[in-house]
């Protein structure tokens, strides 16, 4: 139930956000293995400022606990320049929050960042877009 509630809340936040111009669901799969529930989603959102936010998560609900196993949330400008990418790919072992990290402004500017869920990335991006438009 945690998994479905998380995805439902995420979907409702996306649909109701005035900062999102277009929604493209690339993948959204949920299945029950009998011992756990698994979800994969990949959304591509075009924001009102023209930037693109691509959100990917693999989630598992097991024994009443919802865990994000893998994530990658990529936000870029209209010209393709990276704004930020939050991910947990295990390729920066020297970062204290390994494997969680943030690419801030470029692929090479990698900084510490705690684990983050797609719903929180969405809130962060929408807040920044709203702030820039005022």
Protein backbone atom coordinates (compact mmCIF):
# COMPACT_ATOMS: atom_id res chain seq x y z
CA UNK A 1 0.00 0.00 0.00
CA UNK A 2 2.92 2.37 0.66
CA UNK A 3 4.16 1.99 -2.90
CA UNK A 4 0.79 2.73 -4.48
CA UNK A 5 0.25 5.71 -2.17
CA UNK A 6 3.67 7.14 -3.05
CA UNK A 7 3.07 6.80 -6.80
CA UNK A 8 -0.44 8.22 -6.51
CA UNK A 9 0.80 11.26 -4.60
CA UNK A 10 3.62 11.78 -7.10
CA UNK A 11 1.20 11.54 -10.04
CA UNK A 12 -1.26 13.96 -8.40
CA UNK A 13 1.53 16.46 -7.70
CA UNK A 14 2.68 16.26 -11.32
CA UNK A 15 -0.81 16.63 -12.78
CA UNK A 16 -1.77 19.54 -10.53
CA UNK A 17 1.51 21.49 -10.75
CA UNK A 18 1.10 24.76 -12.67
CA UNK A 19 4.87 24.73 -13.31
CA UNK A 20 4.62 21.70 -15.62
CA UNK A 21 3.71 22.27 -19.26
CA UNK A 22 3.88 18.70 -20.62
CA UNK A 23 4.02 15.19 -19.14
CA UNK A 24 5.44 12.17 -20.96
CA UNK A 25 5.29 8.81 -19.19
CA UNK A 26 8.09 6.73 -20.67
CA UNK A 27 7.59 3.84 -18.28
CA UNK A 28 5.43 3.06 -15.29
CA UNK A 29 5.36 -0.55 -14.08
CA UNK A 30 4.22 -1.99 -10.77
CA UNK A 31 4.25 -5.67 -9.88
CA UNK A 32 3.91 -7.92 -6.85
CA UNK A 33 6.37 -10.80 -6.52
CA UNK A 34 4.53 -12.29 -3.57
CA UNK A 35 7.18 -11.19 -1.07
CA UNK A 36 7.60 -7.60 -2.24
CA UNK A 37 6.06 -4.98 -4.48
CA UNK A 38 8.29 -3.34 -7.07
CA UNK A 39 7.78 -0.20 -9.13
CA UNK A 40 9.75 1.38 -11.93
CA UNK A 41 8.88 4.72 -13.41
CA UNK A 42 10.43 7.15 -15.83
CA UNK A 43 8.71 10.46 -16.47
CA UNK A 44 9.83 13.27 -18.75
CA UNK A 45 8.37 16.61 -17.70
CA UNK A 46 8.61 19.82 -19.67
CA UNK A 47 8.47 22.74 -17.29
CA UNK A 48 6.88 26.14 -18.02
CA UNK A 49 10.31 27.72 -18.39
CA UNK A 50 11.16 25.18 -21.13
CA UNK A 51 13.53 23.15 -18.98
CA UNK A 52 13.25 19.38 -18.90
CA UNK A 53 13.06 17.21 -15.80
CA UNK A 54 13.46 13.48 -16.29
CA UNK A 55 12.63 11.42 -13.22
CA UNK A 56 13.52 7.74 -12.75
CA UNK A 57 13.08 5.57 -9.68
CA UNK A 58 13.04 1.90 -8.79
CA UNK A 59 11.14 1.35 -5.56
CA UNK A 60 10.54 -1.71 -3.43
CA UNK A 61 7.98 -2.18 -0.68
CA UNK A 62 8.84 -5.08 1.58
CA UNK A 63 7.53 -5.88 5.06
CA UNK A 64 5.86 -2.48 5.33
CA UNK A 65 8.97 -0.50 4.36
CA UNK A 66 9.25 1.53 1.15
CA UNK A 67 12.81 1.82 -0.20
CA UNK A 68 14.21 3.64 -3.19
CA UNK A 69 16.69 1.20 -4.70
CA UNK A 70 17.87 3.25 -7.65
CA UNK A 71 17.19 6.79 -8.78
CA UNK A 72 18.26 9.36 -11.33
CA UNK A 73 16.56 12.74 -11.62
CA UNK A 74 18.02 14.86 -14.41
CA UNK A 75 17.11 18.54 -14.86
CA UNK A 76 18.40 20.45 -17.87
CA UNK A 77 17.92 23.76 -19.66
CA UNK A 78 16.24 24.01 -23.06
CA UNK A 79 19.66 23.92 -24.76
CA UNK A 80 20.52 20.64 -23.01
CA UNK A 81 22.88 22.17 -20.42
CA UNK A 82 22.71 20.34 -17.11
CA UNK A 83 21.16 22.25 -14.23
CA UNK A 84 21.26 19.40 -11.70
CA UNK A 85 21.20 15.63 -11.56
CA UNK A 86 20.54 13.71 -8.39
CA UNK A 87 21.46 10.04 -8.53
CA UNK A 88 22.83 7.07 -6.63
CA UNK A 89 24.98 5.45 -9.30
CA UNK A 90 28.01 4.08 -7.45
CA UNK A 91 30.66 5.98 -9.40
CA UNK A 92 31.87 8.59 -6.87
CA UNK A 93 33.10 6.52 -3.88
CA UNK A 94 35.06 9.43 -2.34
CA UNK A 95 31.86 11.42 -1.68
CA UNK A 96 30.81 11.12 1.98
CA UNK A 97 27.18 10.47 0.99
CA UNK A 98 28.21 7.67 -1.41
CA UNK A 99 26.49 6.46 -3.48
CA UNK A 100 24.10 9.44 -3.23
CA UNK A 101 25.32 12.63 -4.90
CA UNK A 102 24.41 15.67 -6.96
CA UNK A 103 25.86 16.88 -10.25
CA UNK A 104 25.43 20.64 -9.89
CA UNK A 105 25.68 22.64 -13.11
CA UNK A 106 27.99 20.19 -14.89
CA UNK A 107 28.88 16.52 -15.04
CA UNK A 108 32.19 17.19 -13.30
CA UNK A 109 30.86 19.26 -10.40
CA UNK A 110 29.85 16.39 -8.11
CA UNK A 111 28.89 17.22 -4.54
CA UNK A 112 27.59 15.43 -1.48
CA UNK A 113 23.84 15.02 -1.26
CA UNK A 114 21.69 12.76 0.89
CA UNK A 115 19.33 10.23 -0.66
CA UNK A 116 16.39 12.00 -2.27
CA UNK A 117 13.05 10.80 -3.61
CA UNK A 118 11.47 11.92 -6.84
CA UNK A 119 8.67 13.68 -4.99
CA UNK A 120 11.23 15.88 -3.22
CA UNK A 121 13.13 16.61 -6.45
CA UNK A 122 9.85 17.67 -8.06
CA UNK A 123 9.10 20.06 -5.18
CA UNK A 124 12.63 21.52 -5.38
CA UNK A 125 12.47 22.09 -9.15
CA UNK A 126 8.96 23.57 -9.03
CA UNK A 127 9.96 25.92 -6.20
CA UNK A 128 13.00 27.14 -8.12
CA UNK A 129 11.00 27.69 -11.32
CA UNK A 130 8.33 29.59 -9.39
CA UNK A 131 11.00 31.71 -7.69
CA UNK A 132 12.64 32.56 -11.03
CA UNK A 133 9.36 33.62 -12.61
CA UNK A 134 8.69 36.25 -9.92
